[in-house]
């Protein structure tokens, strides 16, 4: 499966747990860390953990290796390293503080609307 497939799986998993303001940044040619960053947030510690857990479980169910997950216990910023896709699941307040979207503002947005429920 491709990185694009993994991106769709992770975005759909976040959406299934009602993550808010889900963005996917195309990091190809911008960062050596990953091809895509997913950025989203939840409104409570429990929701942030549920989003991260769902992304991890859905990736593994589809045969992808989760390299590492950091920040799960604190639930303010959970990073899920899926290799070429890295998901950043924030608590609402932390997201507005770190503003990763602005930090990586030169990265184009990936069209993920077909993966989101309306």
PDB file of N, CA and C in Angstrom:
ATOM      1  N   UNK A   1       0.836  -1.191   0.000  1.00  0.00           N
ATOM      2  CA  UNK A   1       0.000   0.000   0.000  1.00  0.00           C
ATOM      3  C   UNK A   1       0.879   1.252   0.000  1.00  0.00           C
ATOM      4  N   UNK A   2       0.318   2.321  -0.485  1.00  0.00           N
ATOM      5  CA  UNK A   2       1.081   3.551  -0.640  1.00  0.00           C
ATOM      6  C   UNK A   2       0.943   4.465   0.582  1.00  0.00           C
ATOM      7  N   UNK A   3       1.776   5.488   0.606  1.00  0.00           N
ATOM      8  CA  UNK A   3       1.694   6.493   1.663  1.00  0.00           C
ATOM      9  C   UNK A   3       0.353   7.212   1.613  1.00  0.00           C
ATOM     10  N   UNK A   4      -0.172   7.378   0.400  1.00  0.00           N
ATOM     11  CA  UNK A   4      -1.484   8.020   0.218  1.00  0.00           C
ATOM     12  C   UNK A   4      -2.579   7.186   0.887  1.00  0.00           C
ATOM     13  N   UNK A   5      -2.477   5.863   0.763  1.00  0.00           N
ATOM     14  CA  UNK A   5      -3.452   4.976   1.409  1.00  0.00           C
ATOM     15  C   UNK A   5      -3.370   5.091   2.927  1.00  0.00           C
ATOM     16  N   UNK A   6      -2.153   5.107   3.437  1.00  0.00           N
ATOM     17  CA  UNK A   6      -1.949   5.238   4.875  1.00  0.00           C
ATOM     18  C   UNK A   6      -2.502   6.574   5.368  1.00  0.00           C
ATOM     19  N   UNK A   7      -2.266   7.626   4.601  1.00  0.00           N
ATOM     20  CA  UNK A   7      -2.812   8.939   4.952  1.00  0.00           C
ATOM     21  C   UNK A   7      -4.325   8.874   5.076  1.00  0.00           C
ATOM     22  N   UNK A   8      -4.983   8.256   4.106  1.00  0.00           N
ATOM     23  CA  UNK A   8      -6.447   8.147   4.123  1.00  0.00           C
ATOM     24  C   UNK A   8      -6.934   7.337   5.312  1.00  0.00           C
ATOM     25  N   UNK A   9      -6.254   6.248   5.623  1.00  0.00           N
ATOM     26  CA  UNK A   9      -6.636   5.412   6.774  1.00  0.00           C
ATOM     27  C   UNK A   9      -6.548   6.218   8.062  1.00  0.00           C
ATOM     28  N   UNK A  10      -5.457   6.954   8.237  1.00  0.00           N
ATOM     29  CA  UNK A  10      -5.258   7.730   9.466  1.00  0.00           C
ATOM     30  C   UNK A  10      -6.250   8.886   9.568  1.00  0.00           C
ATOM     31  N   UNK A  11      -6.512   9.563   8.468  1.00  0.00           N
ATOM     32  CA  UNK A  11      -7.474  10.672   8.480  1.00  0.00           C
ATOM     33  C   UNK A  11      -8.868  10.161   8.812  1.00  0.00           C
ATOM     34  N   UNK A  12      -9.257   9.058   8.199  1.00  0.00           N
ATOM     35  CA  UNK A  12     -10.577   8.490   8.468  1.00  0.00           C
ATOM     36  C   UNK A  12     -10.693   8.044   9.921  1.00  0.00           C
ATOM     37  N   UNK A  13      -9.641   7.465  10.468  1.00  0.00           N
ATOM     38  CA  UNK A  13      -9.645   7.032  11.868  1.00  0.00           C
ATOM     39  C   UNK A  13      -9.825   8.229  12.801  1.00  0.00           C
ATOM     40  N   UNK A  14      -9.119   9.323  12.520  1.00  0.00           N
ATOM     41  CA  UNK A  14      -9.265  10.535  13.341  1.00  0.00           C
ATOM     42  C   UNK A  14     -10.681  11.080  13.235  1.00  0.00           C
ATOM     43  N   UNK A  15     -11.205  11.093  12.027  1.00  0.00           N
ATOM     44  CA  UNK A  15     -12.561  11.589  11.812  1.00  0.00           C
ATOM     45  C   UNK A  15     -13.598  10.716  12.520  1.00  0.00           C
ATOM     46  N   UNK A  16     -13.374   9.407  12.532  1.00  0.00           N
ATOM     47  CA  UNK A  16     -14.302   8.488  13.201  1.00  0.00           C
ATOM     48  C   UNK A  16     -14.426   8.777  14.695  1.00  0.00           C
ATOM     49  N   UNK A  17     -13.380   9.342  15.282  1.00  0.00           N
ATOM     50  CA  UNK A  17     -13.406   9.696  16.707  1.00  0.00           C
ATOM     51  C   UNK A  17     -13.686  11.185  16.915  1.00  0.00           C
ATOM     52  N   UNK A  18     -14.215  11.796  15.871  1.00  0.00           N
ATOM     53  CA  UNK A  18     -14.646  13.191  15.902  1.00  0.00           C
ATOM     54  C   UNK A  18     -13.527  14.201  16.185  1.00  0.00           C
ATOM     55  N   UNK A  19     -12.366  13.926  15.638  1.00  0.00           N
ATOM     56  CA  UNK A  19     -11.284  14.910  15.708  1.00  0.00           C
ATOM     57  C   UNK A  19     -11.742  16.174  14.985  1.00  0.00           C
ATOM     58  N   UNK A  20     -11.279  17.308  15.437  1.00  0.00           N
ATOM     59  CA  UNK A  20     -11.691  18.569  14.846  1.00  0.00           C
ATOM     60  C   UNK A  20     -10.576  19.184  14.020  1.00  0.00           C
ATOM     61  N   UNK A  21     -10.981  19.937  13.004  1.00  0.00           N
ATOM     62  CA  UNK A  21     -10.076  20.699  12.138  1.00  0.00           C
ATOM     63  C   UNK A  21      -8.909  19.839  11.651  1.00  0.00           C
ATOM     64  N   UNK A  22      -9.238  18.728  11.003  1.00  0.00           N
ATOM     65  CA  UNK A  22      -8.225  17.797  10.504  1.00  0.00           C
ATOM     66  C   UNK A  22      -7.580  18.377   9.247  1.00  0.00           C
ATOM     67  N   UNK A  23      -6.258  18.472   9.272  1.00  0.00           N
ATOM     68  CA  UNK A  23      -5.492  18.940   8.124  1.00  0.00           C
ATOM     69  C   UNK A  23      -4.434  17.901   7.773  1.00  0.00           C
ATOM     70  N   UNK A  24      -4.116  17.803   6.506  1.00  0.00           N
ATOM     71  CA  UNK A  24      -3.000  16.962   6.071  1.00  0.00           C
ATOM     72  C   UNK A  24      -2.063  17.837   5.261  1.00  0.00           C
ATOM     73  N   UNK A  25      -0.824  17.896   5.684  1.00  0.00           N
ATOM     74  CA  UNK A  25       0.190  18.681   4.996  1.00  0.00           C
ATOM     75  C   UNK A  25       1.074  17.762   4.168  1.00  0.00           C
ATOM     76  N   UNK A  26       1.295  18.118   2.928  1.00  0.00           N
ATOM     77  CA  UNK A  26       2.186  17.353   2.062  1.00  0.00           C
ATOM     78  C   UNK A  26       3.605  17.861   2.317  1.00  0.00           C
ATOM     79  N   UNK A  27       4.394  17.038   2.980  1.00  0.00           N
ATOM     80  CA  UNK A  27       5.744  17.425   3.404  1.00  0.00           C
ATOM     81  C   UNK A  27       6.828  16.969   2.430  1.00  0.00           C
ATOM     82  N   UNK A  28       6.430  16.382   1.302  1.00  0.00           N
ATOM     83  CA  UNK A  28       7.410  15.888   0.334  1.00  0.00           C
ATOM     84  C   UNK A  28       8.231  17.052  -0.209  1.00  0.00           C
ATOM     85  N   UNK A  29       9.536  16.928  -0.117  1.00  0.00           N
ATOM     86  CA  UNK A  29      10.424  17.980  -0.569  1.00  0.00           C
ATOM     87  C   UNK A  29      10.623  19.099   0.441  1.00  0.00           C
ATOM     88  N   UNK A  30       9.919  19.032   1.564  1.00  0.00           N
ATOM     89  CA  UNK A  30      10.024  20.062   2.602  1.00  0.00           C
ATOM     90  C   UNK A  30      10.702  19.515   3.844  1.00  0.00           C
ATOM     91  N   UNK A  31      10.355  18.286   4.202  1.00  0.00           N
ATOM     92  CA  UNK A  31      10.897  17.659   5.406  1.00  0.00           C
ATOM     93  C   UNK A  31      11.370  16.253   5.088  1.00  0.00           C
ATOM     94  N   UNK A  32      12.460  15.861   5.704  1.00  0.00           N
ATOM     95  CA  UNK A  32      12.953  14.498   5.552  1.00  0.00           C
ATOM     96  C   UNK A  32      12.280  13.544   6.537  1.00  0.00           C
ATOM     97  N   UNK A  33      11.536  14.089   7.472  1.00  0.00           N
ATOM     98  CA  UNK A  33      10.908  13.295   8.532  1.00  0.00           C
ATOM     99  C   UNK A  33       9.802  12.407   7.986  1.00  0.00           C
ATOM    100  N   UNK A  34       8.938  12.974   7.158  1.00  0.00           N
ATOM    101  CA  UNK A  34       7.777  12.228   6.668  1.00  0.00           C
ATOM    102  C   UNK A  34       7.272  12.865   5.378  1.00  0.00           C
ATOM    103  N   UNK A  35       6.470  12.100   4.640  1.00  0.00           N
ATOM    104  CA  UNK A  35       5.843  12.634   3.430  1.00  0.00           C
ATOM    105  C   UNK A  35       4.592  13.446   3.764  1.00  0.00           C
ATOM    106  N   UNK A  36       3.906  13.055   4.842  1.00  0.00           N
ATOM    107  CA  UNK A  36       2.666  13.738   5.228  1.00  0.00           C
ATOM    108  C   UNK A  36       2.610  13.945   6.733  1.00  0.00           C
ATOM    109  N   UNK A  37       2.100  15.090   7.138  1.00  0.00           N
ATOM    110  CA  UNK A  37       1.750  15.354   8.527  1.00  0.00           C
ATOM    111  C   UNK A  37       0.239  15.488   8.598  1.00  0.00           C
ATOM    112  N   UNK A  38      -0.340  14.830   9.575  1.00  0.00           N
ATOM    113  CA  UNK A  38      -1.747  15.038   9.892  1.00  0.00           C
ATOM    114  C   UNK A  38      -1.779  15.845  11.181  1.00  0.00           C
ATOM    115  N   UNK A  39      -2.607  16.876  11.207  1.00  0.00           N
ATOM    116  CA  UNK A  39      -2.765  17.698  12.400  1.00  0.00           C
ATOM    117  C   UNK A  39      -4.250  17.774  12.706  1.00  0.00           C
ATOM    118  N   UNK A  40      -4.600  17.478  13.964  1.00  0.00           N
ATOM    119  CA  UNK A  40      -5.991  17.562  14.384  1.00  0.00           C
ATOM    120  C   UNK A  40      -6.021  17.781  15.894  1.00  0.00           C
ATOM    121  N   UNK A  41      -7.220  17.977  16.422  1.00  0.00           N
ATOM    122  CA  UNK A  41      -7.320  18.127  17.874  1.00  0.00           C
ATOM    123  C   UNK A  41      -8.623  17.556  18.404  1.00  0.00           C
ATOM    124  N   UNK A  42      -8.596  17.305  19.709  1.00  0.00           N
ATOM    125  CA  UNK A  42      -9.768  16.876  20.451  1.00  0.00           C
ATOM    126  C   UNK A  42     -10.022  17.875  21.573  1.00  0.00           C
ATOM    127  N   UNK A  43     -11.161  17.746  22.202  1.00  0.00           N
ATOM    128  CA  UNK A  43     -11.571  18.726  23.213  1.00  0.00           C
ATOM    129  C   UNK A  43     -11.363  18.268  24.650  1.00  0.00           C
ATOM    130  N   UNK A  44     -10.911  17.045  24.841  1.00  0.00           N
ATOM    131  CA  UNK A  44     -10.651  16.541  26.189  1.00  0.00           C
ATOM    132  C   UNK A  44      -9.503  15.543  26.123  1.00  0.00           C
ATOM    133  N   UNK A  45      -8.920  15.264  27.275  1.00  0.00           N
ATOM    134  CA  UNK A  45      -7.832  14.272  27.328  1.00  0.00           C
ATOM    135  C   UNK A  45      -8.309  12.928  26.789  1.00  0.00           C
ATOM    136  N   UNK A  46      -9.491  12.518  27.197  1.00  0.00           N
ATOM    137  CA  UNK A  46     -10.038  11.216  26.770  1.00  0.00           C
ATOM    138  C   UNK A  46     -10.230  11.173  25.253  1.00  0.00           C
ATOM    139  N   UNK A  47     -10.742  12.264  24.680  1.00  0.00           N
ATOM    140  CA  UNK A  47     -10.951  12.280  23.237  1.00  0.00           C
ATOM    141  C   UNK A  47      -9.619  12.254  22.492  1.00  0.00           C
ATOM    142  N   UNK A  48      -8.637  13.013  22.961  1.00  0.00           N
ATOM    143  CA  UNK A  48      -7.312  13.026  22.335  1.00  0.00           C
ATOM    144  C   UNK A  48      -6.730  11.610  22.334  1.00  0.00           C
ATOM    145  N   UNK A  49      -6.840  10.914  23.459  1.00  0.00           N
ATOM    146  CA  UNK A  49      -6.344   9.539  23.542  1.00  0.00           C
ATOM    147  C   UNK A  49      -7.126   8.603  22.631  1.00  0.00           C
ATOM    148  N   UNK A  50      -8.442   8.789  22.557  1.00  0.00           N
ATOM    149  CA  UNK A  50      -9.273   7.938  21.695  1.00  0.00           C
ATOM    150  C   UNK A  50      -8.900   8.124  20.225  1.00  0.00           C
ATOM    151  N   UNK A  51      -8.645   9.362  19.814  1.00  0.00           N
ATOM    152  CA  UNK A  51      -8.244   9.632  18.433  1.00  0.00           C
ATOM    153  C   UNK A  51      -6.918   8.937  18.128  1.00  0.00           C
ATOM    154  N   UNK A  52      -5.950   9.116  19.012  1.00  0.00           N
ATOM    155  CA  UNK A  52      -4.625   8.505  18.802  1.00  0.00           C
ATOM    156  C   UNK A  52      -4.716   6.982  18.773  1.00  0.00           C
ATOM    157  N   UNK A  53      -5.469   6.418  19.681  1.00  0.00           N
ATOM    158  CA  UNK A  53      -5.635   4.960  19.744  1.00  0.00           C
ATOM    159  C   UNK A  53      -6.266   4.432  18.451  1.00  0.00           C
ATOM    160  N   UNK A  54      -7.275   5.147  17.939  1.00  0.00           N
ATOM    161  CA  UNK A  54      -7.959   4.715  16.713  1.00  0.00           C
ATOM    162  C   UNK A  54      -7.018   4.779  15.509  1.00  0.00           C
ATOM    163  N   UNK A  55      -6.222   5.820  15.413  1.00  0.00           N
ATOM    164  CA  UNK A  55      -5.252   5.921  14.311  1.00  0.00           C
ATOM    165  C   UNK A  55      -4.280   4.748  14.375  1.00  0.00           C
ATOM    166  N   UNK A  56      -3.765   4.469  15.551  1.00  0.00           N
ATOM    167  CA  UNK A  56      -2.819   3.362  15.744  1.00  0.00           C
ATOM    168  C   UNK A  56      -3.458   2.024  15.375  1.00  0.00           C
ATOM    169  N   UNK A  57      -4.661   1.772  15.891  1.00  0.00           N
ATOM    170  CA  UNK A  57      -5.326   0.490  15.644  1.00  0.00           C
ATOM    171  C   UNK A  57      -5.662   0.291  14.168  1.00  0.00           C
ATOM    172  N   UNK A  58      -6.179   1.325  13.514  1.00  0.00           N
ATOM    173  CA  UNK A  58      -6.553   1.196  12.100  1.00  0.00           C
ATOM    174  C   UNK A  58      -5.323   1.001  11.215  1.00  0.00           C
ATOM    175  N   UNK A  59      -4.235   1.670  11.548  1.00  0.00           N
ATOM    176  CA  UNK A  59      -3.002   1.481  10.780  1.00  0.00           C
ATOM    177  C   UNK A  59      -2.527   0.043  10.911  1.00  0.00           C
ATOM    178  N   UNK A  60      -2.500  -0.469  12.147  1.00  0.00           N
ATOM    179  CA  UNK A  60      -2.052  -1.847  12.372  1.00  0.00           C
ATOM    180  C   UNK A  60      -2.976  -2.860  11.712  1.00  0.00           C
ATOM    181  N   UNK A  61      -4.287  -2.625  11.760  1.00  0.00           N
ATOM    182  CA  UNK A  61      -5.242  -3.526  11.111  1.00  0.00           C
ATOM    183  C   UNK A  61      -5.001  -3.631   9.610  1.00  0.00           C
ATOM    184  N   UNK A  62      -4.461  -2.564   9.031  1.00  0.00           N
ATOM    185  CA  UNK A  62      -4.198  -2.531   7.593  1.00  0.00           C
ATOM    186  C   UNK A  62      -2.757  -2.874   7.240  1.00  0.00           C
ATOM    187  N   UNK A  63      -2.036  -3.436   8.202  1.00  0.00           N
ATOM    188  CA  UNK A  63      -0.695  -3.945   7.937  1.00  0.00           C
ATOM    189  C   UNK A  63       0.438  -2.945   8.048  1.00  0.00           C
ATOM    190  N   UNK A  64       0.160  -1.773   8.575  1.00  0.00           N
ATOM    191  CA  UNK A  64       1.213  -0.771   8.748  1.00  0.00           C
ATOM    192  C   UNK A  64       1.836  -0.896  10.123  1.00  0.00           C
ATOM    193  N   UNK A  65       3.127  -0.601  10.191  1.00  0.00           N
ATOM    194  CA  UNK A  65       3.861  -0.662  11.447  1.00  0.00           C
ATOM    195  C   UNK A  65       3.841   0.715  12.112  1.00  0.00           C
ATOM    196  N   UNK A  66       3.390   0.775  13.358  1.00  0.00           N
ATOM    197  CA  UNK A  66       3.441   2.015  14.115  1.00  0.00           C
ATOM    198  C   UNK A  66       4.804   2.055  14.789  1.00  0.00           C
ATOM    199  N   UNK A  67       5.643   2.957  14.351  1.00  0.00           N
ATOM    200  CA  UNK A  67       7.015   3.004  14.857  1.00  0.00           C
ATOM    201  C   UNK A  67       7.072   3.455  16.307  1.00  0.00           C
ATOM    202  N   UNK A  68       6.263   4.461  16.623  1.00  0.00           N
ATOM    203  CA  UNK A  68       6.237   4.916  18.019  1.00  0.00           C
ATOM    204  C   UNK A  68       5.062   5.849  18.217  1.00  0.00           C
ATOM    205  N   UNK A  69       4.633   5.926  19.482  1.00  0.00           N
ATOM    206  CA  UNK A  69       3.583   6.861  19.870  1.00  0.00           C
ATOM    207  C   UNK A  69       4.063   7.539  21.139  1.00  0.00           C
ATOM    208  N   UNK A  70       4.134   8.856  21.102  1.00  0.00           N
ATOM    209  CA  UNK A  70       4.643   9.614  22.244  1.00  0.00           C
ATOM    210  C   UNK A  70       3.580  10.565  22.766  1.00  0.00           C
ATOM    211  N   UNK A  71       3.581  10.764  24.088  1.00  0.00           N
ATOM    212  CA  UNK A  71       2.694  11.740  24.718  1.00  0.00           C
ATOM    213  C   UNK A  71       1.322  11.211  25.068  1.00  0.00           C
ATOM    214  N   UNK A  72       1.119   9.896  24.976  1.00  0.00           N
ATOM    215  CA  UNK A  72      -0.222   9.344  25.187  1.00  0.00           C
ATOM    216  C   UNK A  72      -0.741   9.613  26.598  1.00  0.00           C
ATOM    217  N   UNK A  73       0.081   9.405  27.609  1.00  0.00           N
ATOM    218  CA  UNK A  73      -0.377   9.574  28.993  1.00  0.00           C
ATOM    219  C   UNK A  73      -0.737  11.021  29.318  1.00  0.00           C
ATOM    220  N   UNK A  74       0.041  11.967  28.789  1.00  0.00           N
ATOM    221  CA  UNK A  74      -0.236  13.380  29.060  1.00  0.00           C
ATOM    222  C   UNK A  74      -1.445  13.870  28.278  1.00  0.00           C
ATOM    223  N   UNK A  75      -1.646  13.355  27.076  1.00  0.00           N
ATOM    224  CA  UNK A  75      -2.796  13.659  26.215  1.00  0.00           C
ATOM    225  C   UNK A  75      -2.945  15.143  25.894  1.00  0.00           C
ATOM    226  N   UNK A  76      -1.812  15.849  25.784  1.00  0.00           N
ATOM    227  CA  UNK A  76      -1.883  17.234  25.335  1.00  0.00           C
ATOM    228  C   UNK A  76      -1.411  17.338  23.885  1.00  0.00           C
ATOM    229  N   UNK A  77      -0.426  16.509  23.522  1.00  0.00           N
ATOM    230  CA  UNK A  77       0.066  16.421  22.153  1.00  0.00           C
ATOM    231  C   UNK A  77       0.585  15.000  21.977  1.00  0.00           C
ATOM    232  N   UNK A  78      -0.156  14.207  21.228  1.00  0.00           N
ATOM    233  CA  UNK A  78       0.261  12.832  20.963  1.00  0.00           C
ATOM    234  C   UNK A  78       0.777  12.763  19.533  1.00  0.00           C
ATOM    235  N   UNK A  79       1.980  12.239  19.396  1.00  0.00           N
ATOM    236  CA  UNK A  79       2.594  12.063  18.094  1.00  0.00           C
ATOM    237  C   UNK A  79       2.563  10.577  17.755  1.00  0.00           C
ATOM    238  N   UNK A  80       2.007  10.246  16.609  1.00  0.00           N
ATOM    239  CA  UNK A  80       1.962   8.865  16.145  1.00  0.00           C
ATOM    240  C   UNK A  80       2.824   8.772  14.891  1.00  0.00           C
ATOM    241  N   UNK A  81       3.940   8.067  15.000  1.00  0.00           N
ATOM    242  CA  UNK A  81       4.887   7.919  13.901  1.00  0.00           C
ATOM    243  C   UNK A  81       4.543   6.652  13.127  1.00  0.00           C
ATOM    244  N   UNK A  82       4.001   6.842  11.935  1.00  0.00           N
ATOM    245  CA  UNK A  82       3.630   5.732  11.074  1.00  0.00           C
ATOM    246  C   UNK A  82       4.632   5.572   9.930  1.00  0.00           C
ATOM    247  N   UNK A  83       5.787   6.171  10.088  1.00  0.00           N
ATOM    248  CA  UNK A  83       6.797   6.123   9.035  1.00  0.00           C
ATOM    249  C   UNK A  83       6.681   7.339   8.144  1.00  0.00           C
ATOM    250  N   UNK A  84       6.139   7.168   6.955  1.00  0.00           N
ATOM    251  CA  UNK A  84       6.017   8.285   6.016  1.00  0.00           C
ATOM    252  C   UNK A  84       4.835   9.195   6.317  1.00  0.00           C
ATOM    253  N   UNK A  85       4.027   8.819   7.294  1.00  0.00           N
ATOM    254  CA  UNK A  85       2.921   9.659   7.770  1.00  0.00           C
ATOM    255  C   UNK A  85       3.095   9.829   9.272  1.00  0.00           C
ATOM    256  N   UNK A  86       3.068  11.079   9.710  1.00  0.00           N
ATOM    257  CA  UNK A  86       3.154  11.375  11.136  1.00  0.00           C
ATOM    258  C   UNK A  86       1.898  12.136  11.526  1.00  0.00           C
ATOM    259  N   UNK A  87       1.190  11.616  12.525  1.00  0.00           N
ATOM    260  CA  UNK A  87      -0.039  12.263  12.998  1.00  0.00           C
ATOM    261  C   UNK A  87       0.247  12.996  14.298  1.00  0.00           C
ATOM    262  N   UNK A  88      -0.230  14.231  14.366  1.00  0.00           N
ATOM    263  CA  UNK A  88      -0.120  15.066  15.560  1.00  0.00           C
ATOM    264  C   UNK A  88      -1.536  15.280  16.074  1.00  0.00           C
ATOM    265  N   UNK A  89      -1.833  14.699  17.231  1.00  0.00           N
ATOM    266  CA  UNK A  89      -3.164  14.831  17.823  1.00  0.00           C
ATOM    267  C   UNK A  89      -3.022  15.714  19.062  1.00  0.00           C
ATOM    268  N   UNK A  90      -3.594  16.886  18.986  1.00  0.00           N
ATOM    269  CA  UNK A  90      -3.466  17.866  20.052  1.00  0.00           C
ATOM    270  C   UNK A  90      -4.719  17.962  20.902  1.00  0.00           C
ATOM    271  N   UNK A  91      -4.548  18.434  22.114  1.00  0.00           N
ATOM    272  CA  UNK A  91      -5.650  18.980  22.892  1.00  0.00           C
ATOM    273  C   UNK A  91      -5.862  20.380  22.322  1.00  0.00           C
ATOM    274  N   UNK A  92      -7.090  20.843  22.279  1.00  0.00           N
ATOM    275  CA  UNK A  92      -7.417  22.128  21.643  1.00  0.00           C
ATOM    276  C   UNK A  92      -6.453  23.252  22.047  1.00  0.00           C
ATOM    277  N   UNK A  93      -6.210  23.424  23.348  1.00  0.00           N
ATOM    278  CA  UNK A  93      -5.375  24.527  23.828  1.00  0.00           C
ATOM    279  C   UNK A  93      -3.930  24.401  23.348  1.00  0.00           C
ATOM    280  N   UNK A  94      -3.418  23.185  23.321  1.00  0.00           N
ATOM    281  CA  UNK A  94      -2.042  22.968  22.882  1.00  0.00           C
ATOM    282  C   UNK A  94      -1.883  23.258  21.390  1.00  0.00           C
ATOM    283  N   UNK A  95      -2.881  22.904  20.624  1.00  0.00           N
ATOM    284  CA  UNK A  95      -2.793  23.154  19.182  1.00  0.00           C
ATOM    285  C   UNK A  95      -2.685  24.645  18.895  1.00  0.00           C
ATOM    286  N   UNK A  96      -3.503  25.431  19.568  1.00  0.00           N
ATOM    287  CA  UNK A  96      -3.448  26.874  19.323  1.00  0.00           C
ATOM    288  C   UNK A  96      -2.137  27.473  19.829  1.00  0.00           C
ATOM    289  N   UNK A  97      -1.507  26.837  20.802  1.00  0.00           N
ATOM    290  CA  UNK A  97      -0.234  27.324  21.325  1.00  0.00           C
ATOM    291  C   UNK A  97       0.916  27.020  20.360  1.00  0.00           C
ATOM    292  N   UNK A  98       0.995  25.784  19.870  1.00  0.00           N
ATOM    293  CA  UNK A  98       2.122  25.375  19.025  1.00  0.00           C
ATOM    294  C   UNK A  98       1.981  25.787  17.560  1.00  0.00           C
ATOM    295  N   UNK A  99       0.773  25.860  17.058  1.00  0.00           N
ATOM    296  CA  UNK A  99       0.505  26.346  15.694  1.00  0.00           C
ATOM    297  C   UNK A  99       1.387  25.679  14.630  1.00  0.00           C
ATOM    298  N   UNK A 100       1.382  24.358  14.605  1.00  0.00           N
ATOM    299  CA  UNK A 100       2.200  23.639  13.617  1.00  0.00           C
ATOM    300  C   UNK A 100       1.838  24.012  12.183  1.00  0.00           C
ATOM    301  N   UNK A 101       0.564  24.299  11.948  1.00  0.00           N
ATOM    302  CA  UNK A 101       0.148  24.675  10.597  1.00  0.00           C
ATOM    303  C   UNK A 101       0.916  25.902  10.120  1.00  0.00           C
ATOM    304  N   UNK A 102       1.143  26.839  11.022  1.00  0.00           N
ATOM    305  CA  UNK A 102       1.869  28.046  10.651  1.00  0.00           C
ATOM    306  C   UNK A 102       3.372  27.766  10.536  1.00  0.00           C
ATOM    307  N   UNK A 103       3.883  26.920  11.428  1.00  0.00           N
ATOM    308  CA  UNK A 103       5.300  26.564  11.389  1.00  0.00           C
ATOM    309  C   UNK A 103       5.670  25.926  10.044  1.00  0.00           C
ATOM    310  N   UNK A 104       4.786  25.068   9.547  1.00  0.00           N
ATOM    311  CA  UNK A 104       5.005  24.390   8.272  1.00  0.00           C
ATOM    312  C   UNK A 104       4.128  25.017   7.194  1.00  0.00           C
ATOM    313  N   UNK A 105       3.966  26.328   7.240  1.00  0.00           N
ATOM    314  CA  UNK A 105       3.074  27.051   6.333  1.00  0.00           C
ATOM    315  C   UNK A 105       3.421  26.935   4.864  1.00  0.00           C
ATOM    316  N   UNK A 106       4.661  26.582   4.541  1.00  0.00           N
ATOM    317  CA  UNK A 106       5.044  26.426   3.138  1.00  0.00           C
ATOM    318  C   UNK A 106       4.647  25.071   2.570  1.00  0.00           C
ATOM    319  N   UNK A 107       4.149  24.174   3.421  1.00  0.00           N
ATOM    320  CA  UNK A 107       3.707  22.852   2.959  1.00  0.00           C
ATOM    321  C   UNK A 107       2.285  22.952   2.400  1.00  0.00           C
ATOM    322  N   UNK A 108       2.069  22.424   1.207  1.00  0.00           N
ATOM    323  CA  UNK A 108       0.713  22.470   0.640  1.00  0.00           C
ATOM    324  C   UNK A 108      -0.237  21.537   1.392  1.00  0.00           C
ATOM    325  N   UNK A 109      -1.495  21.940   1.453  1.00  0.00           N
ATOM    326  CA  UNK A 109      -2.524  21.095   2.052  1.00  0.00           C
ATOM    327  C   UNK A 109      -2.882  19.979   1.088  1.00  0.00           C
ATOM    328  N   UNK A 110      -3.061  18.799   1.638  1.00  0.00           N
ATOM    329  CA  UNK A 110      -3.495  17.639   0.853  1.00  0.00           C
ATOM    330  C   UNK A 110      -5.020  17.607   0.908  1.00  0.00           C
ATOM    331  N   UNK A 111      -5.654  17.277  -0.203  1.00  0.00           N
ATOM    332  CA  UNK A 111      -7.116  17.207  -0.234  1.00  0.00           C
ATOM    333  C   UNK A 111      -7.583  15.916   0.436  1.00  0.00           C
ATOM    334  N   UNK A 112      -8.215  16.065   1.609  1.00  0.00           N
ATOM    335  CA  UNK A 112      -8.679  14.902   2.368  1.00  0.00           C
ATOM    336  C   UNK A 112     -10.192  14.933   2.572  1.00  0.00           C
ATOM    337  N   UNK A 113     -10.875  15.867   1.903  1.00  0.00           N
ATOM    338  CA  UNK A 113     -12.309  16.048   2.146  1.00  0.00           C
ATOM    339  C   UNK A 113     -13.128  14.794   1.865  1.00  0.00           C
ATOM    340  N   UNK A 114     -12.694  13.969   0.921  1.00  0.00           N
ATOM    341  CA  UNK A 114     -13.456  12.756   0.608  1.00  0.00           C
ATOM    342  C   UNK A 114     -13.403  11.733   1.750  1.00  0.00           C
ATOM    343  N   UNK A 115     -12.431  11.886   2.658  1.00  0.00           N
ATOM    344  CA  UNK A 115     -12.300  10.959   3.783  1.00  0.00           C
ATOM    345  C   UNK A 115     -13.087  11.420   5.014  1.00  0.00           C
ATOM    346  N   UNK A 116     -13.585  12.644   4.982  1.00  0.00           N
ATOM    347  CA  UNK A 116     -14.253  13.219   6.142  1.00  0.00           C
ATOM    348  C   UNK A 116     -15.760  13.101   6.024  1.00  0.00           C
ATOM    349  N   UNK A 117     -16.405  12.854   7.156  1.00  0.00           N
ATOM    350  CA  UNK A 117     -17.864  12.874   7.167  1.00  0.00           C
ATOM    351  C   UNK A 117     -18.309  14.329   7.253  1.00  0.00           C
ATOM    352  N   UNK A 118     -19.398  14.632   6.602  1.00  0.00           N
ATOM    353  CA  UNK A 118     -19.854  16.033   6.594  1.00  0.00           C
ATOM    354  C   UNK A 118     -20.984  16.275   7.557  1.00  0.00           C
TER     355      UNK A 118
END
